[in-house]
Amino acid sequence: MPDHKRVSVIDQRDLPNDVPVTLSATTSREEITAEHPARLRIVFENTDKNPRTFSFGTNPPFTPKLSQTQSPGLMLLPLDTRYDPVTESCWQPTISDDTEYVVPSVLNQVTLDAGESIATELDVWGSYRNDDDICVPIGEYQFEESYGDFTWNFTVAVLGNT
């Protein structure tokens, strides 16, 4: 694994004014080391004056997923992932093809009071579709989530020695 890589959220799509939520993605652990991958925190807040029920996937408020681009790409995985890294210092899962990467199709209904939020943390791994020697490639990667009436996306940069 190349030395001194780090991850940063560099862009987040603004939501339409009529959507009563705020969403944010931040880096809760920037550095990628042999001991751990980088980590993102996603926060979804109900900004309506009233309680509202929202529909989420498997890991509210953001489903683990592949980046929009996969040549090369990244993956966001839950902290309790069942995948092992390719090698001790390469944060790329030992998945050989698409049939082994399954995100359960689950619908979670969560009611949030006015001003209440829900958050999750996800680890940043290199995509299993990358060449084995790439691990976590330097570059910019977009992630997207649909929330029924609207879609939100953000861009993550993997940076090298700085």
C-alpha atoms as a PDB file:
ATOM      1  CA  MET A   1       0.000   0.000   0.000  1.00  0.00           C
ATOM      2  CA  PRO A   2       1.430   3.435  -0.900  1.00  0.00           C
ATOM      3  CA  ASP A   3       2.501   5.541   2.073  1.00  0.00           C
ATOM      4  CA  HIS A   4       0.568   8.427   3.540  1.00  0.00           C
ATOM      5  CA  LYS A   5      -2.772   8.298   1.758  1.00  0.00           C
ATOM      6  CA  ARG A   6      -5.646  10.222   3.223  1.00  0.00           C
ATOM      7  CA  VAL A   7      -9.296  10.775   2.382  1.00  0.00           C
ATOM      8  CA  SER A   8     -11.230  14.025   2.242  1.00  0.00           C
ATOM      9  CA  VAL A   9     -14.832  14.944   1.354  1.00  0.00           C
ATOM     10  CA  ILE A  10     -14.371  17.622  -1.295  1.00  0.00           C
ATOM     11  CA  ASP A  11     -17.901  18.288  -2.583  1.00  0.00           C
ATOM     12  CA  GLN A  12     -21.505  17.772  -1.480  1.00  0.00           C
ATOM     13  CA  ARG A  13     -24.610  18.355  -3.548  1.00  0.00           C
ATOM     14  CA  ASP A  14     -26.987  20.978  -2.186  1.00  0.00           C
ATOM     15  CA  LEU A  15     -30.543  19.802  -1.676  1.00  0.00           C
ATOM     16  CA  PRO A  16     -33.558  21.645  -3.105  1.00  0.00           C
ATOM     17  CA  ASN A  17     -35.026  24.263  -0.737  1.00  0.00           C
ATOM     18  CA  ASP A  18     -38.304  22.346  -0.437  1.00  0.00           C
ATOM     19  CA  VAL A  19     -36.578  19.236   0.968  1.00  0.00           C
ATOM     20  CA  PRO A  20     -36.897  19.416   4.783  1.00  0.00           C
ATOM     21  CA  VAL A  21     -33.573  17.731   5.576  1.00  0.00           C
ATOM     22  CA  THR A  22     -29.896  18.472   5.726  1.00  0.00           C
ATOM     23  CA  LEU A  23     -27.281  15.907   4.816  1.00  0.00           C
ATOM     24  CA  SER A  24     -23.569  16.044   5.420  1.00  0.00           C
ATOM     25  CA  ALA A  25     -20.571  13.844   4.828  1.00  0.00           C
ATOM     26  CA  THR A  26     -17.388  14.414   6.789  1.00  0.00           C
ATOM     27  CA  THR A  27     -14.164  12.536   7.290  1.00  0.00           C
ATOM     28  CA  SER A  28     -14.012  11.109  10.804  1.00  0.00           C
ATOM     29  CA  ARG A  29     -10.669   9.381  10.153  1.00  0.00           C
ATOM     30  CA  GLU A  30      -8.581  10.800   7.292  1.00  0.00           C
ATOM     31  CA  GLU A  31      -5.527   8.584   7.193  1.00  0.00           C
ATOM     32  CA  ILE A  32      -5.302   5.188   5.537  1.00  0.00           C
ATOM     33  CA  THR A  33      -2.805   3.033   7.399  1.00  0.00           C
ATOM     34  CA  ALA A  34      -1.866  -0.637   7.554  1.00  0.00           C
ATOM     35  CA  GLU A  35      -3.975  -0.831  10.744  1.00  0.00           C
ATOM     36  CA  HIS A  36      -7.174   0.813   9.493  1.00  0.00           C
ATOM     37  CA  PRO A  37      -8.956   2.339   6.488  1.00  0.00           C
ATOM     38  CA  ALA A  38     -10.183   5.926   6.373  1.00  0.00           C
ATOM     39  CA  ARG A  39     -13.695   6.545   7.736  1.00  0.00           C
ATOM     40  CA  LEU A  40     -16.616   8.812   6.765  1.00  0.00           C
ATOM     41  CA  ARG A  41     -19.519  10.044   8.886  1.00  0.00           C
ATOM     42  CA  ILE A  42     -22.883  10.675   7.203  1.00  0.00           C
ATOM     43  CA  VAL A  43     -25.516  12.736   9.054  1.00  0.00           C
ATOM     44  CA  PHE A  44     -29.176  13.133   8.019  1.00  0.00           C
ATOM     45  CA  GLU A  45     -31.210  15.767   9.926  1.00  0.00           C
ATOM     46  CA  ASN A  46     -34.957  16.458   9.852  1.00  0.00           C
ATOM     47  CA  THR A  47     -35.222  20.246   9.469  1.00  0.00           C
ATOM     48  CA  ASP A  48     -39.023  20.228   9.271  1.00  0.00           C
ATOM     49  CA  LYS A  49     -41.073  21.774  12.111  1.00  0.00           C
ATOM     50  CA  ASN A  50     -42.775  18.428  12.656  1.00  0.00           C
ATOM     51  CA  PRO A  51     -41.735  14.811  13.120  1.00  0.00           C
ATOM     52  CA  ARG A  52     -41.330  12.957   9.823  1.00  0.00           C
ATOM     53  CA  THR A  53     -40.808   9.358   8.826  1.00  0.00           C
ATOM     54  CA  PHE A  54     -38.038   8.653   6.326  1.00  0.00           C
ATOM     55  CA  SER A  55     -37.168   5.515   4.390  1.00  0.00           C
ATOM     56  CA  PHE A  56     -33.590   4.279   4.408  1.00  0.00           C
ATOM     57  CA  GLY A  57     -31.729   1.231   3.167  1.00  0.00           C
ATOM     58  CA  THR A  58     -29.669  -1.244   5.171  1.00  0.00           C
ATOM     59  CA  ASN A  59     -27.512   1.188   7.147  1.00  0.00           C
ATOM     60  CA  PRO A  60     -29.493   4.376   7.902  1.00  0.00           C
ATOM     61  CA  PRO A  61     -28.968   7.015   6.699  1.00  0.00           C
ATOM     62  CA  PHE A  62     -26.572   5.844   3.958  1.00  0.00           C
ATOM     63  CA  THR A  63     -26.378   2.393   2.389  1.00  0.00           C
ATOM     64  CA  PRO A  64     -22.933   0.807   1.919  1.00  0.00           C
ATOM     65  CA  LYS A  65     -22.084   1.004  -1.779  1.00  0.00           C
ATOM     66  CA  LEU A  66     -19.649   1.261  -4.645  1.00  0.00           C
ATOM     67  CA  SER A  67     -18.588   4.647  -5.996  1.00  0.00           C
ATOM     68  CA  GLN A  68     -20.273   5.803  -9.216  1.00  0.00           C
ATOM     69  CA  THR A  69     -16.983   5.245 -11.096  1.00  0.00           C
ATOM     70  CA  GLN A  70     -15.375   1.797 -10.935  1.00  0.00           C
ATOM     71  CA  SER A  71     -12.284   1.980 -13.151  1.00  0.00           C
ATOM     72  CA  PRO A  72     -10.779   2.177 -10.511  1.00  0.00           C
ATOM     73  CA  GLY A  73     -13.222   2.780  -7.676  1.00  0.00           C
ATOM     74  CA  LEU A  74     -13.958   2.832  -3.971  1.00  0.00           C
ATOM     75  CA  MET A  75     -16.426   1.135  -1.642  1.00  0.00           C
ATOM     76  CA  LEU A  76     -18.071   2.380   1.535  1.00  0.00           C
ATOM     77  CA  LEU A  77     -18.478  -0.507   3.958  1.00  0.00           C
ATOM     78  CA  PRO A  78     -20.109  -0.708   7.392  1.00  0.00           C
ATOM     79  CA  LEU A  79     -17.791  -0.856  10.398  1.00  0.00           C
ATOM     80  CA  ASP A  80     -18.861  -4.429  11.082  1.00  0.00           C
ATOM     81  CA  THR A  81     -18.083  -5.581   7.536  1.00  0.00           C
ATOM     82  CA  ARG A  82     -17.771  -9.290   6.954  1.00  0.00           C
ATOM     83  CA  TYR A  83     -15.073  -8.855   4.302  1.00  0.00           C
ATOM     84  CA  ASP A  84     -11.363  -9.367   4.837  1.00  0.00           C
ATOM     85  CA  PRO A  85      -8.708  -7.193   3.178  1.00  0.00           C
ATOM     86  CA  VAL A  86      -6.744  -8.669   0.275  1.00  0.00           C
ATOM     87  CA  THR A  87      -3.559  -8.361   2.327  1.00  0.00           C
ATOM     88  CA  GLU A  88      -2.778  -7.077   5.781  1.00  0.00           C
ATOM     89  CA  SER A  89      -2.103  -3.554   4.492  1.00  0.00           C
ATOM     90  CA  CYS A  90      -4.413  -3.381   1.433  1.00  0.00           C
ATOM     91  CA  TRP A  91      -7.952  -2.149   2.181  1.00  0.00           C
ATOM     92  CA  GLN A  92      -9.562  -3.913  -0.738  1.00  0.00           C
ATOM     93  CA  PRO A  93     -11.965  -6.784   0.057  1.00  0.00           C
ATOM     94  CA  THR A  94     -11.370 -10.368  -0.982  1.00  0.00           C
ATOM     95  CA  ILE A  95     -14.346 -10.515  -3.337  1.00  0.00           C
ATOM     96  CA  SER A  96     -13.845 -12.146  -6.706  1.00  0.00           C
ATOM     97  CA  ASP A  97     -16.961 -10.930  -8.536  1.00  0.00           C
ATOM     98  CA  ASP A  98     -20.309  -9.139  -8.278  1.00  0.00           C
ATOM     99  CA  THR A  99     -22.097 -12.234  -6.982  1.00  0.00           C
ATOM    100  CA  GLU A 100     -20.085 -12.079  -3.744  1.00  0.00           C
ATOM    101  CA  TYR A 101     -20.865  -8.402  -3.069  1.00  0.00           C
ATOM    102  CA  VAL A 102     -24.412  -8.228  -1.807  1.00  0.00           C
ATOM    103  CA  VAL A 103     -26.107  -5.338  -0.034  1.00  0.00           C
ATOM    104  CA  PRO A 104     -29.391  -6.668   1.361  1.00  0.00           C
ATOM    105  CA  SER A 105     -32.481  -4.977   0.018  1.00  0.00           C
ATOM    106  CA  VAL A 106     -33.949  -3.719   3.282  1.00  0.00           C
ATOM    107  CA  LEU A 107     -36.290  -0.823   3.925  1.00  0.00           C
ATOM    108  CA  ASN A 108     -35.897   0.880   7.298  1.00  0.00           C
ATOM    109  CA  GLN A 109     -38.555   3.382   8.319  1.00  0.00           C
ATOM    110  CA  VAL A 110     -37.166   5.894  10.824  1.00  0.00           C
ATOM    111  CA  THR A 111     -39.196   8.694  12.428  1.00  0.00           C
ATOM    112  CA  LEU A 112     -37.186  11.765  13.330  1.00  0.00           C
ATOM    113  CA  ASP A 113     -38.499  14.582  15.494  1.00  0.00           C
ATOM    114  CA  ALA A 114     -38.017  18.177  14.350  1.00  0.00           C
ATOM    115  CA  GLY A 115     -34.292  18.912  14.527  1.00  0.00           C
ATOM    116  CA  GLU A 116     -33.391  15.273  15.231  1.00  0.00           C
ATOM    117  CA  SER A 117     -30.704  13.531  13.211  1.00  0.00           C
ATOM    118  CA  ILE A 118     -29.444  10.058  12.470  1.00  0.00           C
ATOM    119  CA  ALA A 119     -25.821   9.260  11.609  1.00  0.00           C
ATOM    120  CA  THR A 120     -23.638   6.383  10.486  1.00  0.00           C
ATOM    121  CA  GLU A 121     -19.969   5.793   9.896  1.00  0.00           C
ATOM    122  CA  LEU A 122     -18.593   3.872   6.929  1.00  0.00           C
ATOM    123  CA  ASP A 123     -15.068   2.723   6.165  1.00  0.00           C
ATOM    124  CA  VAL A 124     -13.467   3.674   2.833  1.00  0.00           C
ATOM    125  CA  TRP A 125     -12.057   0.662   0.971  1.00  0.00           C
ATOM    126  CA  GLY A 126     -10.765   0.202  -2.543  1.00  0.00           C
ATOM    127  CA  SER A 127     -13.293  -1.521  -4.803  1.00  0.00           C
ATOM    128  CA  TYR A 128     -13.027  -5.262  -5.316  1.00  0.00           C
ATOM    129  CA  ARG A 129     -13.185  -4.456  -9.037  1.00  0.00           C
ATOM    130  CA  ASN A 130      -9.782  -2.696  -8.904  1.00  0.00           C
ATOM    131  CA  ASP A 131      -6.626  -4.471  -9.993  1.00  0.00           C
ATOM    132  CA  ASP A 132      -5.098  -6.258  -7.015  1.00  0.00           C
ATOM    133  CA  ASP A 133      -2.082  -3.963  -6.873  1.00  0.00           C
ATOM    134  CA  ILE A 134      -4.121  -0.733  -6.659  1.00  0.00           C
ATOM    135  CA  CYS A 135      -5.778  -1.160  -3.203  1.00  0.00           C
ATOM    136  CA  VAL A 136      -7.138   2.353  -2.503  1.00  0.00           C
ATOM    137  CA  PRO A 137      -6.413   4.413  -5.632  1.00  0.00           C
ATOM    138  CA  ILE A 138      -5.641   8.132  -5.606  1.00  0.00           C
ATOM    139  CA  GLY A 139      -8.422  10.125  -7.301  1.00  0.00           C
ATOM    140  CA  GLU A 140     -11.911  11.569  -6.872  1.00  0.00           C
ATOM    141  CA  TYR A 141     -14.983   9.370  -6.386  1.00  0.00           C
ATOM    142  CA  GLN A 142     -18.678  10.221  -6.243  1.00  0.00           C
ATOM    143  CA  PHE A 143     -21.229   8.416  -4.070  1.00  0.00           C
ATOM    144  CA  GLU A 144     -24.983   8.787  -4.440  1.00  0.00           C
ATOM    145  CA  GLU A 145     -28.027   7.834  -2.381  1.00  0.00           C
ATOM    146  CA  SER A 146     -31.695   8.094  -3.306  1.00  0.00           C
ATOM    147  CA  TYR A 147     -34.175   9.108  -0.612  1.00  0.00           C
ATOM    148  CA  GLY A 148     -37.390   8.672  -2.594  1.00  0.00           C
ATOM    149  CA  ASP A 149     -38.217  12.262  -3.531  1.00  0.00           C
ATOM    150  CA  PHE A 150     -34.618  13.375  -3.901  1.00  0.00           C
ATOM    151  CA  THR A 151     -31.101  12.138  -4.528  1.00  0.00           C
ATOM    152  CA  TRP A 152     -27.993  13.316  -2.714  1.00  0.00           C
ATOM    153  CA  ASN A 153     -24.369  12.850  -3.656  1.00  0.00           C
ATOM    154  CA  PHE A 154     -20.939  13.780  -2.469  1.00  0.00           C
ATOM    155  CA  THR A 155     -17.393  13.425  -3.741  1.00  0.00           C
ATOM    156  CA  VAL A 156     -14.479  11.880  -1.863  1.00  0.00           C
ATOM    157  CA  ALA A 157     -10.832  12.459  -2.775  1.00  0.00           C
ATOM    158  CA  VAL A 158      -8.073   9.991  -1.994  1.00  0.00           C
ATOM    159  CA  LEU A 159      -4.885  12.002  -1.782  1.00  0.00           C
ATOM    160  CA  GLY A 160      -1.278  10.837  -1.829  1.00  0.00           C
ATOM    161  CA  ASN A 161       1.780  12.256  -0.064  1.00  0.00           C
ATOM    162  CA  THR A 162       1.211  15.874   0.899  1.00  0.00           C
END
